[in-house]
Amino acid sequence: MDSITLKAYAKINLGLDVLRKRQDGYHDVCMIMQTIDLYDTISIEKSKSLKPLEEGSHNQIQIKTNHPQLQASQSNLIYRTAALFLETFQIKTCINITLDKRIPIAAGLAGGSADAAATLIGLNQLFKTKLSQEELMKLGVKIGADVPYCIMKGTALSEGIGEILTPLPPMPDCCILLVKPDISVSTKFVYEHLKLDDSISHPNIKSMIPALEQKNLENLAKDMSNILETVTIREYPEIKDIKEAMVGFGALSSLMSGSGSTVFGIFPDSKQAEAAYEFFIQSKWGKETYLTKPYWP
């Protein structure tokens, strides 16, 4: 095998709570994650020659991407992932990686983590290193807290800093509408301004698990909540406006994913979802609007 192509799937947070700030600067969280059928495509091929990646340097890894905002440099998350893998296994072969980017960037959809996860999975297959999923996840957490989940995929309870994962019954089938307004939300800013004192009400994330077990989409939607909205909506009121518009079109619930800025709506009816999609693509928020569904590996 000299090349491989994989899909890197995005995720949404069906629920997100932040429990406390840790002494190491990270935060303990409790989340329910769901993979969705929106993905980037990553192609990896072995190369016979060294190629310059940056002026004045030669590297084992060359990255090409269709997205003008992503730098094909050593700071790229895919590059860091590939470099970690090649160094771990002392692999000297040069590789070319091509990224076809479809997941919005800086959107709360774990696009970068999904790309890193797909890169690890692809390299493991390409070089026949035979790492188990659990071993890949342990390697992936060195890149980012969401990478292990993006390797596992599906529906999962995520705890710790996001690396403690418990598989859950799959989310019921539905339509998921994504709208990413043209704003950039800093995750660092959101967590720095998040109040975790007695004045804030924490969502009960684990209360959603019985609804998943019963395959009850309506009950699941009732308990969906994201504590980070307490910061982000205050700074960007349009997030609230998008949520209200989605509910007006028949969404059972609408929520910000991660630290934003993507807002998603859960629709049990495809006609309502399509009507909402048509509204949003013509609205001031509609530059990046996607109609998708849950993905199960």
C-alpha atoms as a PDB file:
ATOM      1  CA  MET A   1       0.000   0.000   0.000  1.00  0.00           C
ATOM      2  CA  ASP A   2       1.501   3.332  -1.124  1.00  0.00           C
ATOM      3  CA  SER A   3      -1.464   5.641  -0.505  1.00  0.00           C
ATOM      4  CA  ILE A   4      -4.678   5.896   1.473  1.00  0.00           C
ATOM      5  CA  THR A   5      -7.673   8.266   1.561  1.00  0.00           C
ATOM      6  CA  LEU A   6      -9.877   8.749   4.623  1.00  0.00           C
ATOM      7  CA  LYS A   7     -12.817  10.853   5.797  1.00  0.00           C
ATOM      8  CA  ALA A   8     -12.331  13.040   8.879  1.00  0.00           C
ATOM      9  CA  TYR A   9     -15.756  13.506  10.492  1.00  0.00           C
ATOM     10  CA  ALA A  10     -16.885  16.576  12.450  1.00  0.00           C
ATOM     11  CA  LYS A  11     -18.630  16.416  15.837  1.00  0.00           C
ATOM     12  CA  ILE A  12     -21.224  18.365  17.768  1.00  0.00           C
ATOM     13  CA  ASN A  13     -21.743  18.593  21.527  1.00  0.00           C
ATOM     14  CA  LEU A  14     -25.239  17.436  22.447  1.00  0.00           C
ATOM     15  CA  GLY A  15     -24.468  18.719  25.932  1.00  0.00           C
ATOM     16  CA  LEU A  16     -21.477  20.467  27.492  1.00  0.00           C
ATOM     17  CA  ASP A  17     -20.712  21.286  31.109  1.00  0.00           C
ATOM     18  CA  VAL A  18     -17.507  22.619  32.647  1.00  0.00           C
ATOM     19  CA  LEU A  19     -17.053  21.365  36.185  1.00  0.00           C
ATOM     20  CA  ARG A  20     -13.904  23.076  37.438  1.00  0.00           C
ATOM     21  CA  LYS A  21     -10.571  24.573  36.489  1.00  0.00           C
ATOM     22  CA  ARG A  22      -7.640  22.288  37.218  1.00  0.00           C
ATOM     23  CA  GLN A  23      -4.278  23.241  38.675  1.00  0.00           C
ATOM     24  CA  ASP A  24      -2.622  22.466  35.320  1.00  0.00           C
ATOM     25  CA  GLY A  25      -4.750  25.146  33.630  1.00  0.00           C
ATOM     26  CA  TYR A  26      -7.085  22.725  31.864  1.00  0.00           C
ATOM     27  CA  HIS A  27     -10.766  22.314  32.746  1.00  0.00           C
ATOM     28  CA  ASP A  28     -12.643  19.192  33.786  1.00  0.00           C
ATOM     29  CA  VAL A  29     -15.663  18.785  31.539  1.00  0.00           C
ATOM     30  CA  CYS A  30     -18.689  16.547  31.117  1.00  0.00           C
ATOM     31  CA  MET A  31     -19.973  16.337  27.549  1.00  0.00           C
ATOM     32  CA  ILE A  32     -21.967  14.152  25.213  1.00  0.00           C
ATOM     33  CA  MET A  33     -20.349  14.087  21.791  1.00  0.00           C
ATOM     34  CA  GLN A  34     -21.888  13.024  18.493  1.00  0.00           C
ATOM     35  CA  THR A  35     -20.173  12.469  15.152  1.00  0.00           C
ATOM     36  CA  ILE A  36     -21.977  14.004  12.169  1.00  0.00           C
ATOM     37  CA  ASP A  37     -21.873  13.287   8.455  1.00  0.00           C
ATOM     38  CA  LEU A  38     -19.821  16.354   7.553  1.00  0.00           C
ATOM     39  CA  TYR A  39     -16.216  15.567   6.806  1.00  0.00           C
ATOM     40  CA  ASP A  40     -12.861  16.606   5.417  1.00  0.00           C
ATOM     41  CA  THR A  41     -10.994  14.240   3.101  1.00  0.00           C
ATOM     42  CA  ILE A  42      -7.356  13.392   3.796  1.00  0.00           C
ATOM     43  CA  SER A  43      -5.111  11.578   1.323  1.00  0.00           C
ATOM     44  CA  ILE A  44      -1.695  10.309   2.398  1.00  0.00           C
ATOM     45  CA  GLU A  45       0.895   8.886   0.023  1.00  0.00           C
ATOM     46  CA  LYS A  46       4.441   7.690   0.399  1.00  0.00           C
ATOM     47  CA  SER A  47       6.992   9.795  -1.463  1.00  0.00           C
ATOM     48  CA  LYS A  48      10.417   8.830  -2.763  1.00  0.00           C
ATOM     49  CA  SER A  49      12.039  12.211  -2.279  1.00  0.00           C
ATOM     50  CA  LEU A  50      12.440  15.003   0.233  1.00  0.00           C
ATOM     51  CA  LYS A  51      10.548  18.141  -0.743  1.00  0.00           C
ATOM     52  CA  PRO A  52      10.851  21.658   0.705  1.00  0.00           C
ATOM     53  CA  LEU A  53       7.985  22.577   3.003  1.00  0.00           C
ATOM     54  CA  GLU A  54       9.274  25.974   4.072  1.00  0.00           C
ATOM     55  CA  GLU A  55      11.960  28.185   2.592  1.00  0.00           C
ATOM     56  CA  GLY A  56      15.390  26.983   3.601  1.00  0.00           C
ATOM     57  CA  SER A  57      14.228  23.653   5.041  1.00  0.00           C
ATOM     58  CA  HIS A  58      13.582  20.091   3.926  1.00  0.00           C
ATOM     59  CA  ASN A  59      11.198  17.765   5.667  1.00  0.00           C
ATOM     60  CA  GLN A  60       9.683  14.322   5.498  1.00  0.00           C
ATOM     61  CA  ILE A  61       6.184  15.747   5.356  1.00  0.00           C
ATOM     62  CA  GLN A  62       4.536  17.897   2.704  1.00  0.00           C
ATOM     63  CA  ILE A  63       0.958  19.125   3.081  1.00  0.00           C
ATOM     64  CA  LYS A  64      -1.334  20.621   0.460  1.00  0.00           C
ATOM     65  CA  THR A  65      -4.766  22.028   1.230  1.00  0.00           C
ATOM     66  CA  ASN A  66      -7.598  23.733  -0.627  1.00  0.00           C
ATOM     67  CA  HIS A  67      -8.299  26.099   2.288  1.00  0.00           C
ATOM     68  CA  PRO A  68      -6.557  29.497   1.978  1.00  0.00           C
ATOM     69  CA  GLN A  69      -6.642  30.164   5.747  1.00  0.00           C
ATOM     70  CA  LEU A  70      -4.759  26.989   6.657  1.00  0.00           C
ATOM     71  CA  GLN A  71      -0.988  27.084   6.488  1.00  0.00           C
ATOM     72  CA  ALA A  72       0.772  24.004   5.154  1.00  0.00           C
ATOM     73  CA  SER A  73       3.567  24.453   7.675  1.00  0.00           C
ATOM     74  CA  GLN A  74       5.010  22.818  10.758  1.00  0.00           C
ATOM     75  CA  SER A  75       2.398  24.573  12.927  1.00  0.00           C
ATOM     76  CA  ASN A  76      -0.386  22.729  11.107  1.00  0.00           C
ATOM     77  CA  LEU A  77      -2.125  20.133  13.291  1.00  0.00           C
ATOM     78  CA  ILE A  78      -1.860  17.485  10.576  1.00  0.00           C
ATOM     79  CA  TYR A  79       1.878  18.116  10.285  1.00  0.00           C
ATOM     80  CA  ARG A  80       2.343  17.831  14.063  1.00  0.00           C
ATOM     81  CA  THR A  81       0.365  14.577  14.104  1.00  0.00           C
ATOM     82  CA  ALA A  82       2.320  13.042  11.227  1.00  0.00           C
ATOM     83  CA  ALA A  83       5.623  14.158  12.747  1.00  0.00           C
ATOM     84  CA  LEU A  84       4.710  12.565  16.094  1.00  0.00           C
ATOM     85  CA  PHE A  85       3.774   9.294  14.395  1.00  0.00           C
ATOM     86  CA  LEU A  86       6.900   9.122  12.203  1.00  0.00           C
ATOM     87  CA  GLU A  87       9.146   9.975  15.150  1.00  0.00           C
ATOM     88  CA  THR A  88       7.435   7.447  17.445  1.00  0.00           C
ATOM     89  CA  PHE A  89       8.080   4.605  15.002  1.00  0.00           C
ATOM     90  CA  GLN A  90      11.370   5.935  13.576  1.00  0.00           C
ATOM     91  CA  ILE A  91       9.936   5.939  10.062  1.00  0.00           C
ATOM     92  CA  LYS A  92      12.202   7.623   7.484  1.00  0.00           C
ATOM     93  CA  THR A  93       9.828   7.452   4.517  1.00  0.00           C
ATOM     94  CA  CYS A  94       8.684  10.828   3.172  1.00  0.00           C
ATOM     95  CA  ILE A  95       4.949  11.450   2.857  1.00  0.00           C
ATOM     96  CA  ASN A  96       2.661  13.810   0.989  1.00  0.00           C
ATOM     97  CA  ILE A  97      -0.671  14.705   2.624  1.00  0.00           C
ATOM     98  CA  THR A  98      -3.549  16.402   0.802  1.00  0.00           C
ATOM     99  CA  LEU A  99      -6.399  17.947   2.797  1.00  0.00           C
ATOM    100  CA  ASP A 100      -9.735  18.720   1.143  1.00  0.00           C
ATOM    101  CA  LYS A 101     -11.286  20.963   3.797  1.00  0.00           C
ATOM    102  CA  ARG A 102     -15.084  21.114   4.164  1.00  0.00           C
ATOM    103  CA  ILE A 103     -15.562  21.409   7.940  1.00  0.00           C
ATOM    104  CA  PRO A 104     -15.590  25.111   8.929  1.00  0.00           C
ATOM    105  CA  ILE A 105     -12.491  26.116  10.878  1.00  0.00           C
ATOM    106  CA  ALA A 106     -12.569  27.532  14.432  1.00  0.00           C
ATOM    107  CA  ALA A 107     -16.216  26.522  14.593  1.00  0.00           C
ATOM    108  CA  GLY A 108     -16.624  24.224  17.611  1.00  0.00           C
ATOM    109  CA  LEU A 109     -16.840  21.168  15.333  1.00  0.00           C
ATOM    110  CA  ALA A 110     -13.418  19.641  16.110  1.00  0.00           C
ATOM    111  CA  GLY A 111     -12.331  19.942  12.484  1.00  0.00           C
ATOM    112  CA  GLY A 112      -8.632  20.101  13.352  1.00  0.00           C
ATOM    113  CA  SER A 113      -8.911  17.213  15.804  1.00  0.00           C
ATOM    114  CA  ALA A 114     -10.826  15.152  13.222  1.00  0.00           C
ATOM    115  CA  ASP A 115      -8.042  15.759  10.692  1.00  0.00           C
ATOM    116  CA  ALA A 116      -5.430  14.709  13.254  1.00  0.00           C
ATOM    117  CA  ALA A 117      -7.403  11.555  14.086  1.00  0.00           C
ATOM    118  CA  ALA A 118      -7.770  10.586  10.425  1.00  0.00           C
ATOM    119  CA  THR A 119      -4.052  11.201   9.901  1.00  0.00           C
ATOM    120  CA  LEU A 120      -3.161   8.815  12.741  1.00  0.00           C
ATOM    121  CA  ILE A 121      -5.577   6.156  11.488  1.00  0.00           C
ATOM    122  CA  GLY A 122      -4.274   6.503   7.937  1.00  0.00           C
ATOM    123  CA  LEU A 123      -0.598   6.323   8.890  1.00  0.00           C
ATOM    124  CA  ASN A 124      -1.269   3.302  11.100  1.00  0.00           C
ATOM    125  CA  GLN A 125      -2.759   1.501   8.097  1.00  0.00           C
ATOM    126  CA  LEU A 126      -0.258   2.801   5.551  1.00  0.00           C
ATOM    127  CA  PHE A 127       2.793   1.707   7.540  1.00  0.00           C
ATOM    128  CA  LYS A 128       1.142  -1.404   9.054  1.00  0.00           C
ATOM    129  CA  THR A 129       2.113  -0.477  12.612  1.00  0.00           C
ATOM    130  CA  LYS A 130      -0.929  -2.419  13.894  1.00  0.00           C
ATOM    131  CA  LEU A 131      -1.844  -0.052  16.719  1.00  0.00           C
ATOM    132  CA  SER A 132      -5.197  -0.836  18.325  1.00  0.00           C
ATOM    133  CA  GLN A 133      -7.839   1.889  18.562  1.00  0.00           C
ATOM    134  CA  GLU A 134      -6.974   2.329  22.238  1.00  0.00           C
ATOM    135  CA  GLU A 135      -3.272   2.739  21.417  1.00  0.00           C
ATOM    136  CA  LEU A 136      -4.085   5.272  18.704  1.00  0.00           C
ATOM    137  CA  MET A 137      -6.219   7.209  21.201  1.00  0.00           C
ATOM    138  CA  LYS A 138      -3.345   7.320  23.713  1.00  0.00           C
ATOM    139  CA  LEU A 139      -1.095   8.722  21.005  1.00  0.00           C
ATOM    140  CA  GLY A 140      -3.791  11.141  19.843  1.00  0.00           C
ATOM    141  CA  VAL A 141      -4.265  12.805  23.245  1.00  0.00           C
ATOM    142  CA  LYS A 142      -0.691  14.120  22.903  1.00  0.00           C
ATOM    143  CA  ILE A 143      -2.013  16.244  20.031  1.00  0.00           C
ATOM    144  CA  GLY A 144      -5.288  17.398  21.592  1.00  0.00           C
ATOM    145  CA  ALA A 145      -8.018  16.439  24.044  1.00  0.00           C
ATOM    146  CA  ASP A 146     -10.645  15.891  21.299  1.00  0.00           C
ATOM    147  CA  VAL A 147      -8.440  13.659  19.136  1.00  0.00           C
ATOM    148  CA  PRO A 148      -9.180  10.392  21.028  1.00  0.00           C
ATOM    149  CA  TYR A 149     -12.919  10.945  20.576  1.00  0.00           C
ATOM    150  CA  CYS A 150     -12.446  11.710  16.871  1.00  0.00           C
ATOM    151  CA  ILE A 151     -10.633   8.382  16.553  1.00  0.00           C
ATOM    152  CA  MET A 152     -13.439   6.512  18.334  1.00  0.00           C
ATOM    153  CA  LYS A 153     -16.396   8.449  16.829  1.00  0.00           C
ATOM    154  CA  GLY A 154     -20.104   7.773  17.393  1.00  0.00           C
ATOM    155  CA  THR A 155     -21.995   8.846  20.526  1.00  0.00           C
ATOM    156  CA  ALA A 156     -19.964   9.119  23.725  1.00  0.00           C
ATOM    157  CA  LEU A 157     -19.785  10.600  27.197  1.00  0.00           C
ATOM    158  CA  SER A 158     -16.597  12.634  27.474  1.00  0.00           C
ATOM    159  CA  GLU A 159     -15.058  13.470  30.857  1.00  0.00           C
ATOM    160  CA  GLY A 160     -11.762  14.618  32.344  1.00  0.00           C
ATOM    161  CA  ILE A 161     -10.285  17.122  29.890  1.00  0.00           C
ATOM    162  CA  GLY A 162     -12.196  15.252  27.197  1.00  0.00           C
ATOM    163  CA  GLU A 163     -10.028  12.158  27.001  1.00  0.00           C
ATOM    164  CA  ILE A 164     -12.067   9.860  29.300  1.00  0.00           C
ATOM    165  CA  LEU A 165     -14.618   8.365  26.937  1.00  0.00           C
ATOM    166  CA  THR A 166     -17.597   6.083  27.521  1.00  0.00           C
ATOM    167  CA  PRO A 167     -19.485   4.825  24.437  1.00  0.00           C
ATOM    168  CA  LEU A 168     -23.233   5.498  24.569  1.00  0.00           C
ATOM    169  CA  PRO A 169     -26.214   4.165  22.597  1.00  0.00           C
ATOM    170  CA  PRO A 170     -26.337   5.915  19.209  1.00  0.00           C
ATOM    171  CA  MET A 171     -28.259   9.143  18.797  1.00  0.00           C
ATOM    172  CA  PRO A 172     -31.642   8.584  17.094  1.00  0.00           C
ATOM    173  CA  ASP A 173     -31.738   9.361  13.394  1.00  0.00           C
ATOM    174  CA  CYS A 174     -32.658  12.978  12.596  1.00  0.00           C
ATOM    175  CA  CYS A 175     -31.655  15.980  10.505  1.00  0.00           C
ATOM    176  CA  ILE A 176     -29.020  18.310  11.898  1.00  0.00           C
ATOM    177  CA  LEU A 177     -28.756  21.833  10.527  1.00  0.00           C
ATOM    178  CA  LEU A 178     -25.472  23.678  11.083  1.00  0.00           C
ATOM    179  CA  VAL A 179     -25.068  27.441  10.770  1.00  0.00           C
ATOM    180  CA  LYS A 180     -21.705  29.083  11.376  1.00  0.00           C
ATOM    181  CA  PRO A 181     -22.053  32.874  11.465  1.00  0.00           C
ATOM    182  CA  ASP A 182     -19.166  34.952  10.192  1.00  0.00           C
ATOM    183  CA  ILE A 183     -17.596  35.461  13.614  1.00  0.00           C
ATOM    184  CA  SER A 184     -14.516  33.945  15.197  1.00  0.00           C
ATOM    185  CA  VAL A 185     -14.818  32.852  18.802  1.00  0.00           C
ATOM    186  CA  SER A 186     -11.665  32.396  20.854  1.00  0.00           C
ATOM    187  CA  THR A 187     -11.891  29.250  22.975  1.00  0.00           C
ATOM    188  CA  LYS A 188      -9.292  30.763  25.300  1.00  0.00           C
ATOM    189  CA  PHE A 189     -11.455  33.881  25.769  1.00  0.00           C
ATOM    190  CA  VAL A 190     -14.584  31.820  26.485  1.00  0.00           C
ATOM    191  CA  TYR A 191     -12.935  29.717  29.180  1.00  0.00           C
ATOM    192  CA  GLU A 192     -11.200  32.723  30.749  1.00  0.00           C
ATOM    193  CA  HIS A 193     -14.554  34.521  31.119  1.00  0.00           C
ATOM    194  CA  LEU A 194     -16.582  31.508  32.225  1.00  0.00           C
ATOM    195  CA  LYS A 195     -17.879  31.878  35.792  1.00  0.00           C
ATOM    196  CA  LEU A 196     -17.881  28.644  37.757  1.00  0.00           C
ATOM    197  CA  ASP A 197     -19.159  30.019  41.057  1.00  0.00           C
ATOM    198  CA  ASP A 198     -22.510  29.394  42.742  1.00  0.00           C
ATOM    199  CA  SER A 199     -24.228  31.966  40.513  1.00  0.00           C
ATOM    200  CA  ILE A 200     -24.148  29.680  37.479  1.00  0.00           C
ATOM    201  CA  SER A 201     -26.505  26.782  36.846  1.00  0.00           C
ATOM    202  CA  HIS A 202     -24.841  23.654  35.515  1.00  0.00           C
ATOM    203  CA  PRO A 203     -26.597  21.450  32.965  1.00  0.00           C
ATOM    204  CA  ASN A 204     -27.241  17.840  33.947  1.00  0.00           C
ATOM    205  CA  ILE A 205     -25.440  16.149  31.089  1.00  0.00           C
ATOM    206  CA  LYS A 206     -25.873  12.586  32.305  1.00  0.00           C
ATOM    207  CA  SER A 207     -29.660  13.050  32.435  1.00  0.00           C
ATOM    208  CA  MET A 208     -29.545  12.723  28.627  1.00  0.00           C
ATOM    209  CA  ILE A 209     -28.309   9.130  28.725  1.00  0.00           C
ATOM    210  CA  PRO A 210     -31.732   7.494  29.431  1.00  0.00           C
ATOM    211  CA  ALA A 211     -33.156   9.269  26.364  1.00  0.00           C
ATOM    212  CA  LEU A 212     -30.364   7.763  24.250  1.00  0.00           C
ATOM    213  CA  GLU A 213     -31.053   4.336  25.746  1.00  0.00           C
ATOM    214  CA  GLN A 214     -34.752   4.725  24.949  1.00  0.00           C
ATOM    215  CA  LYS A 215     -34.022   6.185  21.465  1.00  0.00           C
ATOM    216  CA  ASN A 216     -36.267   9.128  22.398  1.00  0.00           C
ATOM    217  CA  LEU A 217     -35.186  12.142  20.362  1.00  0.00           C
ATOM    218  CA  GLU A 218     -37.663  14.564  21.982  1.00  0.00           C
ATOM    219  CA  ASN A 219     -36.508  13.782  25.527  1.00  0.00           C
ATOM    220  CA  LEU A 220     -32.899  14.020  24.419  1.00  0.00           C
ATOM    221  CA  ALA A 221     -33.518  17.466  22.953  1.00  0.00           C
ATOM    222  CA  LYS A 222     -35.205  18.709  26.135  1.00  0.00           C
ATOM    223  CA  ASP A 223     -32.029  18.255  28.205  1.00  0.00           C
ATOM    224  CA  MET A 224     -29.533  19.621  25.676  1.00  0.00           C
ATOM    225  CA  SER A 225     -27.516  22.499  27.125  1.00  0.00           C
ATOM    226  CA  ASN A 226     -24.103  24.140  26.728  1.00  0.00           C
ATOM    227  CA  ILE A 227     -22.689  26.103  29.657  1.00  0.00           C
ATOM    228  CA  LEU A 228     -20.287  27.998  27.370  1.00  0.00           C
ATOM    229  CA  GLU A 229     -23.252  29.850  25.859  1.00  0.00           C
ATOM    230  CA  THR A 230     -23.329  31.930  29.064  1.00  0.00           C
ATOM    231  CA  VAL A 231     -20.171  33.622  27.795  1.00  0.00           C
ATOM    232  CA  THR A 232     -20.505  33.441  24.028  1.00  0.00           C
ATOM    233  CA  ILE A 233     -24.085  34.710  23.667  1.00  0.00           C
ATOM    234  CA  ARG A 234     -23.233  37.722  25.823  1.00  0.00           C
ATOM    235  CA  GLU A 235     -20.414  38.608  23.408  1.00  0.00           C
ATOM    236  CA  TYR A 236     -22.185  37.535  20.203  1.00  0.00           C
ATOM    237  CA  PRO A 237     -25.998  37.962  20.492  1.00  0.00           C
ATOM    238  CA  GLU A 238     -26.479  36.638  16.950  1.00  0.00           C
ATOM    239  CA  ILE A 239     -25.905  33.132  18.303  1.00  0.00           C
ATOM    240  CA  LYS A 240     -29.112  33.494  20.316  1.00  0.00           C
ATOM    241  CA  ASP A 241     -30.892  34.872  17.240  1.00  0.00           C
ATOM    242  CA  ILE A 242     -29.877  31.836  15.171  1.00  0.00           C
ATOM    243  CA  LYS A 243     -31.006  29.454  17.915  1.00  0.00           C
ATOM    244  CA  GLU A 244     -34.420  31.134  18.119  1.00  0.00           C
ATOM    245  CA  ALA A 245     -34.820  31.064  14.327  1.00  0.00           C
ATOM    246  CA  MET A 246     -34.083  27.329  14.232  1.00  0.00           C
ATOM    247  CA  VAL A 247     -36.665  26.597  16.920  1.00  0.00           C
ATOM    248  CA  GLY A 248     -39.117  28.735  14.960  1.00  0.00           C
ATOM    249  CA  PHE A 249     -38.653  26.419  11.979  1.00  0.00           C
ATOM    250  CA  GLY A 250     -39.422  23.354  14.089  1.00  0.00           C
ATOM    251  CA  ALA A 251     -36.124  22.341  15.663  1.00  0.00           C
ATOM    252  CA  LEU A 252     -36.653  20.295  18.827  1.00  0.00           C
ATOM    253  CA  SER A 253     -33.642  22.073  20.271  1.00  0.00           C
ATOM    254  CA  SER A 254     -30.871  24.351  19.099  1.00  0.00           C
ATOM    255  CA  LEU A 255     -27.457  24.640  20.692  1.00  0.00           C
ATOM    256  CA  MET A 256     -24.031  26.102  20.167  1.00  0.00           C
ATOM    257  CA  SER A 257     -21.409  23.424  19.563  1.00  0.00           C
ATOM    258  CA  GLY A 258     -18.289  23.583  21.721  1.00  0.00           C
ATOM    259  CA  SER A 259     -17.163  27.153  22.297  1.00  0.00           C
ATOM    260  CA  GLY A 260     -18.782  28.218  19.023  1.00  0.00           C
ATOM    261  CA  SER A 261     -19.498  29.811  16.782  1.00  0.00           C
ATOM    262  CA  THR A 262     -21.451  27.056  15.018  1.00  0.00           C
ATOM    263  CA  VAL A 263     -25.098  26.676  16.043  1.00  0.00           C
ATOM    264  CA  PHE A 264     -26.970  23.466  15.260  1.00  0.00           C
ATOM    265  CA  GLY A 265     -30.625  22.498  15.305  1.00  0.00           C
ATOM    266  CA  ILE A 266     -32.116  19.025  15.756  1.00  0.00           C
ATOM    267  CA  PHE A 267     -35.006  18.397  13.347  1.00  0.00           C
ATOM    268  CA  PRO A 268     -37.137  15.225  13.404  1.00  0.00           C
ATOM    269  CA  ASP A 269     -38.737  16.183  10.084  1.00  0.00           C
ATOM    270  CA  SER A 270     -36.676  16.519   6.894  1.00  0.00           C
ATOM    271  CA  LYS A 271     -39.101  19.004   5.284  1.00  0.00           C
ATOM    272  CA  GLN A 272     -38.798  21.387   8.241  1.00  0.00           C
ATOM    273  CA  ALA A 273     -35.014  21.019   8.161  1.00  0.00           C
ATOM    274  CA  GLU A 274     -34.903  21.749   4.435  1.00  0.00           C
ATOM    275  CA  ALA A 275     -37.124  24.825   4.876  1.00  0.00           C
ATOM    276  CA  ALA A 276     -34.814  26.087   7.628  1.00  0.00           C
ATOM    277  CA  TYR A 277     -31.794  25.396   5.434  1.00  0.00           C
ATOM    278  CA  GLU A 278     -33.273  27.451   2.576  1.00  0.00           C
ATOM    279  CA  PHE A 279     -33.976  30.305   4.988  1.00  0.00           C
ATOM    280  CA  PHE A 280     -30.480  30.358   6.447  1.00  0.00           C
ATOM    281  CA  ILE A 281     -28.540  30.130   3.177  1.00  0.00           C
ATOM    282  CA  GLN A 282     -30.294  33.332   2.101  1.00  0.00           C
ATOM    283  CA  SER A 283     -29.851  35.042   5.472  1.00  0.00           C
ATOM    284  CA  LYS A 284     -27.004  37.233   6.723  1.00  0.00           C
ATOM    285  CA  TRP A 285     -25.682  34.232   8.662  1.00  0.00           C
ATOM    286  CA  GLY A 286     -25.828  31.720   5.828  1.00  0.00           C
ATOM    287  CA  LYS A 287     -22.332  31.753   4.307  1.00  0.00           C
ATOM    288  CA  GLU A 288     -21.503  28.439   5.991  1.00  0.00           C
ATOM    289  CA  THR A 289     -24.717  26.426   6.345  1.00  0.00           C
ATOM    290  CA  TYR A 290     -24.886  22.641   6.171  1.00  0.00           C
ATOM    291  CA  LEU A 291     -27.675  20.100   6.381  1.00  0.00           C
ATOM    292  CA  THR A 292     -26.332  16.857   7.778  1.00  0.00           C
ATOM    293  CA  LYS A 293     -27.226  13.937  10.071  1.00  0.00           C
ATOM    294  CA  PRO A 294     -25.696  11.797  12.809  1.00  0.00           C
ATOM    295  CA  TYR A 295     -22.884   9.492  11.708  1.00  0.00           C
ATOM    296  CA  TRP A 296     -22.289   6.088  13.271  1.00  0.00           C
ATOM    297  CA  PRO A 297     -19.018   4.238  12.542  1.00  0.00           C
END
